[in-house]
Amino acid sequence: MTLAKPGKLGPRLRLHADGPACDAVVPRPPGAPVTFDMFPCNIYMAMNEPDNVTLAGARNTSVESMAAFFSSVGRMRPIVDRTGIKGAIDFSMEYTPEPRGAPAAGGDTEAAVPEATFDQVVKDQLGLKLEPAKLPLEVPVVDHVEMPSEN
């Protein structure tokens, strides 16, 4: 994951220091657009809305944690942060999850296609580019397990 334009964050990604304090959470009225400040600090949230839209975001987090979040919600392989962004960030995004599997036989294939891919939403809203790359990745390995002793 890199910045789509070097040195420039997208409209829904900011340095946490540029936003309000963590005790400020602004409730989102129904139908209002997603904002940074509707998310509490230190908590990742993904909310399903009507029409298969998902609102997601977090405040006072790291780019590394956001990348791990993207790996789970975007159903992707591990994402490695190569943005160079230092310090805490806030982000918010709105996307339509891509359908799982192929459309049902005889189904309308047009209805199964999302408006934009997860990658495109990340680029347009956050200013980040997700590109496949072969990089070293730390993977924990358990090489020995035994029953605990009684004590």
C-alpha atoms as a PDB file:
ATOM      1  CA  MET A   1       0.000   0.000   0.000  1.00  0.00           C
ATOM      2  CA  THR A   2       1.434   3.361  -1.070  1.00  0.00           C
ATOM      3  CA  LEU A   3       0.189   6.922  -1.457  1.00  0.00           C
ATOM      4  CA  ALA A   4      -1.514   7.322  -4.848  1.00  0.00           C
ATOM      5  CA  LYS A   5       0.053  10.799  -5.122  1.00  0.00           C
ATOM      6  CA  PRO A   6       3.275  11.208  -3.129  1.00  0.00           C
ATOM      7  CA  GLY A   7       2.841  13.536  -0.164  1.00  0.00           C
ATOM      8  CA  LYS A   8      -0.949  13.866  -0.606  1.00  0.00           C
ATOM      9  CA  LEU A   9      -3.644  12.212   1.539  1.00  0.00           C
ATOM     10  CA  GLY A  10      -7.122  11.501   0.184  1.00  0.00           C
ATOM     11  CA  PRO A  11     -10.216  13.438   1.313  1.00  0.00           C
ATOM     12  CA  ARG A  12     -11.170  10.814   3.911  1.00  0.00           C
ATOM     13  CA  LEU A  13      -7.729  10.263   5.422  1.00  0.00           C
ATOM     14  CA  ARG A  14      -6.088  12.729   7.799  1.00  0.00           C
ATOM     15  CA  LEU A  15      -3.425  12.886  10.453  1.00  0.00           C
ATOM     16  CA  HIS A  16      -5.123  12.471  13.826  1.00  0.00           C
ATOM     17  CA  ALA A  17      -3.407  15.619  15.102  1.00  0.00           C
ATOM     18  CA  ASP A  18      -5.352  17.599  12.456  1.00  0.00           C
ATOM     19  CA  GLY A  19      -8.736  16.479  13.834  1.00  0.00           C
ATOM     20  CA  PRO A  20     -10.691  17.049  17.044  1.00  0.00           C
ATOM     21  CA  ALA A  21      -9.804  15.470  20.385  1.00  0.00           C
ATOM     22  CA  CYS A  22     -10.844  11.878  21.030  1.00  0.00           C
ATOM     23  CA  ASP A  23     -13.684  12.854  23.362  1.00  0.00           C
ATOM     24  CA  ALA A  24     -15.514  14.502  20.434  1.00  0.00           C
ATOM     25  CA  VAL A  25     -17.772  11.996  18.654  1.00  0.00           C
ATOM     26  CA  VAL A  26     -20.507  13.471  16.480  1.00  0.00           C
ATOM     27  CA  PRO A  27     -23.531  11.194  15.890  1.00  0.00           C
ATOM     28  CA  ARG A  28     -24.425  10.709  12.234  1.00  0.00           C
ATOM     29  CA  PRO A  29     -28.034  11.508  11.371  1.00  0.00           C
ATOM     30  CA  PRO A  30     -29.691   8.836   9.187  1.00  0.00           C
ATOM     31  CA  GLY A  31     -28.829   9.356   5.526  1.00  0.00           C
ATOM     32  CA  ALA A  32     -26.052  11.870   6.236  1.00  0.00           C
ATOM     33  CA  PRO A  33     -22.664  11.295   4.588  1.00  0.00           C
ATOM     34  CA  VAL A  34     -19.959   9.426   6.466  1.00  0.00           C
ATOM     35  CA  THR A  35     -17.526  11.658   8.381  1.00  0.00           C
ATOM     36  CA  PHE A  36     -14.358  11.125  10.404  1.00  0.00           C
ATOM     37  CA  ASP A  37     -15.928  12.345  13.598  1.00  0.00           C
ATOM     38  CA  MET A  38     -18.711   9.749  13.716  1.00  0.00           C
ATOM     39  CA  PHE A  39     -16.126   7.132  14.719  1.00  0.00           C
ATOM     40  CA  PRO A  40     -14.766   6.851  18.265  1.00  0.00           C
ATOM     41  CA  CYS A  41     -11.021   6.772  18.852  1.00  0.00           C
ATOM     42  CA  ASN A  42      -9.122   3.495  19.090  1.00  0.00           C
ATOM     43  CA  ILE A  43     -12.047   1.438  17.726  1.00  0.00           C
ATOM     44  CA  TYR A  44     -12.531   0.131  14.190  1.00  0.00           C
ATOM     45  CA  MET A  45     -16.115   0.165  13.018  1.00  0.00           C
ATOM     46  CA  ALA A  46     -17.854  -1.145   9.916  1.00  0.00           C
ATOM     47  CA  MET A  47     -21.590  -0.526   9.652  1.00  0.00           C
ATOM     48  CA  ASN A  48     -23.923  -1.959   7.053  1.00  0.00           C
ATOM     49  CA  GLU A  49     -26.329   0.524   5.528  1.00  0.00           C
ATOM     50  CA  PRO A  50     -29.271   0.004   3.143  1.00  0.00           C
ATOM     51  CA  ASP A  51     -28.471  -0.834  -0.484  1.00  0.00           C
ATOM     52  CA  ASN A  52     -25.483  -3.014   0.549  1.00  0.00           C
ATOM     53  CA  VAL A  53     -23.332   0.015   1.460  1.00  0.00           C
ATOM     54  CA  THR A  54     -20.750  -0.302   4.229  1.00  0.00           C
ATOM     55  CA  LEU A  55     -19.432   2.638   6.242  1.00  0.00           C
ATOM     56  CA  ALA A  56     -16.063   1.994   7.868  1.00  0.00           C
ATOM     57  CA  GLY A  57     -13.501   3.988   9.761  1.00  0.00           C
ATOM     58  CA  ALA A  58     -11.427   4.621  12.845  1.00  0.00           C
ATOM     59  CA  ARG A  59      -9.713   7.468  14.633  1.00  0.00           C
ATOM     60  CA  ASN A  60      -6.365   7.614  16.408  1.00  0.00           C
ATOM     61  CA  THR A  61      -5.044   4.503  14.701  1.00  0.00           C
ATOM     62  CA  SER A  62      -1.939   3.555  12.736  1.00  0.00           C
ATOM     63  CA  VAL A  63      -1.537   2.928   9.030  1.00  0.00           C
ATOM     64  CA  GLU A  64      -0.330  -0.601   9.874  1.00  0.00           C
ATOM     65  CA  SER A  65      -3.568  -1.324  11.780  1.00  0.00           C
ATOM     66  CA  MET A  66      -5.642   0.147   8.953  1.00  0.00           C
ATOM     67  CA  ALA A  67      -3.825  -2.157   6.496  1.00  0.00           C
ATOM     68  CA  ALA A  68      -4.708  -5.181   8.674  1.00  0.00           C
ATOM     69  CA  PHE A  69      -8.337  -3.981   8.777  1.00  0.00           C
ATOM     70  CA  PHE A  70      -8.365  -3.711   4.975  1.00  0.00           C
ATOM     71  CA  SER A  71      -7.053  -7.273   4.694  1.00  0.00           C
ATOM     72  CA  SER A  72     -10.095  -8.520   6.593  1.00  0.00           C
ATOM     73  CA  VAL A  73     -12.894  -6.296   5.231  1.00  0.00           C
ATOM     74  CA  GLY A  74     -11.560  -6.263   1.675  1.00  0.00           C
ATOM     75  CA  ARG A  75     -10.934 -10.049   1.786  1.00  0.00           C
ATOM     76  CA  MET A  76      -7.410  -9.527   0.534  1.00  0.00           C
ATOM     77  CA  ARG A  77      -4.010 -10.939   1.151  1.00  0.00           C
ATOM     78  CA  PRO A  78      -1.902  -9.230   3.803  1.00  0.00           C
ATOM     79  CA  ILE A  79      -1.299  -5.558   3.054  1.00  0.00           C
ATOM     80  CA  VAL A  80       2.102  -4.018   3.762  1.00  0.00           C
ATOM     81  CA  ASP A  81       2.332  -0.314   4.621  1.00  0.00           C
ATOM     82  CA  ARG A  82       4.744   1.523   2.341  1.00  0.00           C
ATOM     83  CA  THR A  83       3.052   4.940   2.639  1.00  0.00           C
ATOM     84  CA  GLY A  84       5.654   6.634   4.836  1.00  0.00           C
ATOM     85  CA  ILE A  85       2.843   8.162   6.946  1.00  0.00           C
ATOM     86  CA  LYS A  86       4.066   8.620  10.524  1.00  0.00           C
ATOM     87  CA  GLY A  87       1.911   9.030  13.605  1.00  0.00           C
ATOM     88  CA  ALA A  88      -1.757   8.406  14.266  1.00  0.00           C
ATOM     89  CA  ILE A  89      -4.380   8.783  11.540  1.00  0.00           C
ATOM     90  CA  ASP A  90      -8.160   9.045  11.162  1.00  0.00           C
ATOM     91  CA  PHE A  91     -10.014   7.578   8.196  1.00  0.00           C
ATOM     92  CA  SER A  92     -13.550   7.043   7.004  1.00  0.00           C
ATOM     93  CA  MET A  93     -14.812   5.315   3.904  1.00  0.00           C
ATOM     94  CA  GLU A  94     -18.004   4.235   2.214  1.00  0.00           C
ATOM     95  CA  TYR A  95     -18.054   1.273  -0.139  1.00  0.00           C
ATOM     96  CA  THR A  96     -20.150  -1.531  -1.586  1.00  0.00           C
ATOM     97  CA  PRO A  97     -18.640  -4.920  -0.729  1.00  0.00           C
ATOM     98  CA  GLU A  98     -17.849  -7.082  -3.707  1.00  0.00           C
ATOM     99  CA  PRO A  99     -20.157 -10.107  -3.965  1.00  0.00           C
ATOM    100  CA  ARG A 100     -18.838 -13.464  -2.820  1.00  0.00           C
ATOM    101  CA  GLY A 101     -18.742 -16.133  -5.509  1.00  0.00           C
ATOM    102  CA  ALA A 102     -20.391 -16.110  -8.891  1.00  0.00           C
ATOM    103  CA  PRO A 103     -23.949 -14.839  -9.433  1.00  0.00           C
ATOM    104  CA  ALA A 104     -26.711 -17.434  -9.241  1.00  0.00           C
ATOM    105  CA  ALA A 105     -27.593 -19.259 -12.461  1.00  0.00           C
ATOM    106  CA  GLY A 106     -30.060 -17.231 -14.454  1.00  0.00           C
ATOM    107  CA  GLY A 107     -29.436 -14.237 -12.183  1.00  0.00           C
ATOM    108  CA  ASP A 108     -28.877 -10.682 -13.308  1.00  0.00           C
ATOM    109  CA  THR A 109     -25.099 -10.303 -13.601  1.00  0.00           C
ATOM    110  CA  GLU A 110     -25.360  -6.485 -13.772  1.00  0.00           C
ATOM    111  CA  ALA A 111     -26.868  -6.345 -10.273  1.00  0.00           C
ATOM    112  CA  ALA A 112     -23.954  -8.354  -8.853  1.00  0.00           C
ATOM    113  CA  VAL A 113     -21.283  -5.876  -9.997  1.00  0.00           C
ATOM    114  CA  PRO A 114     -20.365  -3.274  -7.354  1.00  0.00           C
ATOM    115  CA  GLU A 115     -20.183   0.419  -8.293  1.00  0.00           C
ATOM    116  CA  ALA A 116     -16.431   0.478  -7.594  1.00  0.00           C
ATOM    117  CA  THR A 117     -13.931  -2.095  -6.436  1.00  0.00           C
ATOM    118  CA  PHE A 118     -12.538  -1.920  -2.909  1.00  0.00           C
ATOM    119  CA  ASP A 119      -9.168  -0.936  -4.418  1.00  0.00           C
ATOM    120  CA  GLN A 120     -10.776   1.984  -6.283  1.00  0.00           C
ATOM    121  CA  VAL A 121     -12.610   3.215  -3.182  1.00  0.00           C
ATOM    122  CA  VAL A 122      -9.362   3.108  -1.174  1.00  0.00           C
ATOM    123  CA  LYS A 123      -7.684   5.158  -3.909  1.00  0.00           C
ATOM    124  CA  ASP A 124     -10.484   7.697  -4.433  1.00  0.00           C
ATOM    125  CA  GLN A 125     -11.451   8.257  -0.797  1.00  0.00           C
ATOM    126  CA  LEU A 126      -8.168   7.695   1.070  1.00  0.00           C
ATOM    127  CA  GLY A 127      -5.587   8.515  -1.592  1.00  0.00           C
ATOM    128  CA  LEU A 128      -3.938   5.118  -1.202  1.00  0.00           C
ATOM    129  CA  LYS A 129      -2.939   2.638  -3.883  1.00  0.00           C
ATOM    130  CA  LEU A 130      -3.132  -1.117  -3.325  1.00  0.00           C
ATOM    131  CA  GLU A 131      -0.726  -2.921  -5.630  1.00  0.00           C
ATOM    132  CA  PRO A 132       0.307  -6.563  -5.602  1.00  0.00           C
ATOM    133  CA  ALA A 133       3.951  -7.059  -4.691  1.00  0.00           C
ATOM    134  CA  LYS A 134       6.223  -9.807  -3.513  1.00  0.00           C
ATOM    135  CA  LEU A 135       7.683  -8.703  -0.194  1.00  0.00           C
ATOM    136  CA  PRO A 136       9.052 -10.483   2.850  1.00  0.00           C
ATOM    137  CA  LEU A 137       6.357 -10.984   5.450  1.00  0.00           C
ATOM    138  CA  GLU A 138       6.731 -12.039   9.068  1.00  0.00           C
ATOM    139  CA  VAL A 139       4.631 -15.095   9.837  1.00  0.00           C
ATOM    140  CA  PRO A 140       4.472 -16.599  13.342  1.00  0.00           C
ATOM    141  CA  VAL A 141       5.265 -20.311  13.431  1.00  0.00           C
ATOM    142  CA  VAL A 142       4.323 -22.643  16.286  1.00  0.00           C
ATOM    143  CA  ASP A 143       6.908 -25.423  16.332  1.00  0.00           C
ATOM    144  CA  HIS A 144       6.108 -27.057  19.669  1.00  0.00           C
ATOM    145  CA  VAL A 145       2.981 -27.516  21.801  1.00  0.00           C
ATOM    146  CA  GLU A 146       2.553 -29.445  25.027  1.00  0.00           C
ATOM    147  CA  MET A 147      -0.067 -29.837  27.694  1.00  0.00           C
ATOM    148  CA  PRO A 148       0.365 -27.555  30.728  1.00  0.00           C
ATOM    149  CA  SER A 149       1.621 -29.171  33.907  1.00  0.00           C
ATOM    150  CA  GLU A 150      -0.496 -29.320  37.043  1.00  0.00           C
ATOM    151  CA  ASN A 151       0.620 -26.869  39.704  1.00  0.00           C
END
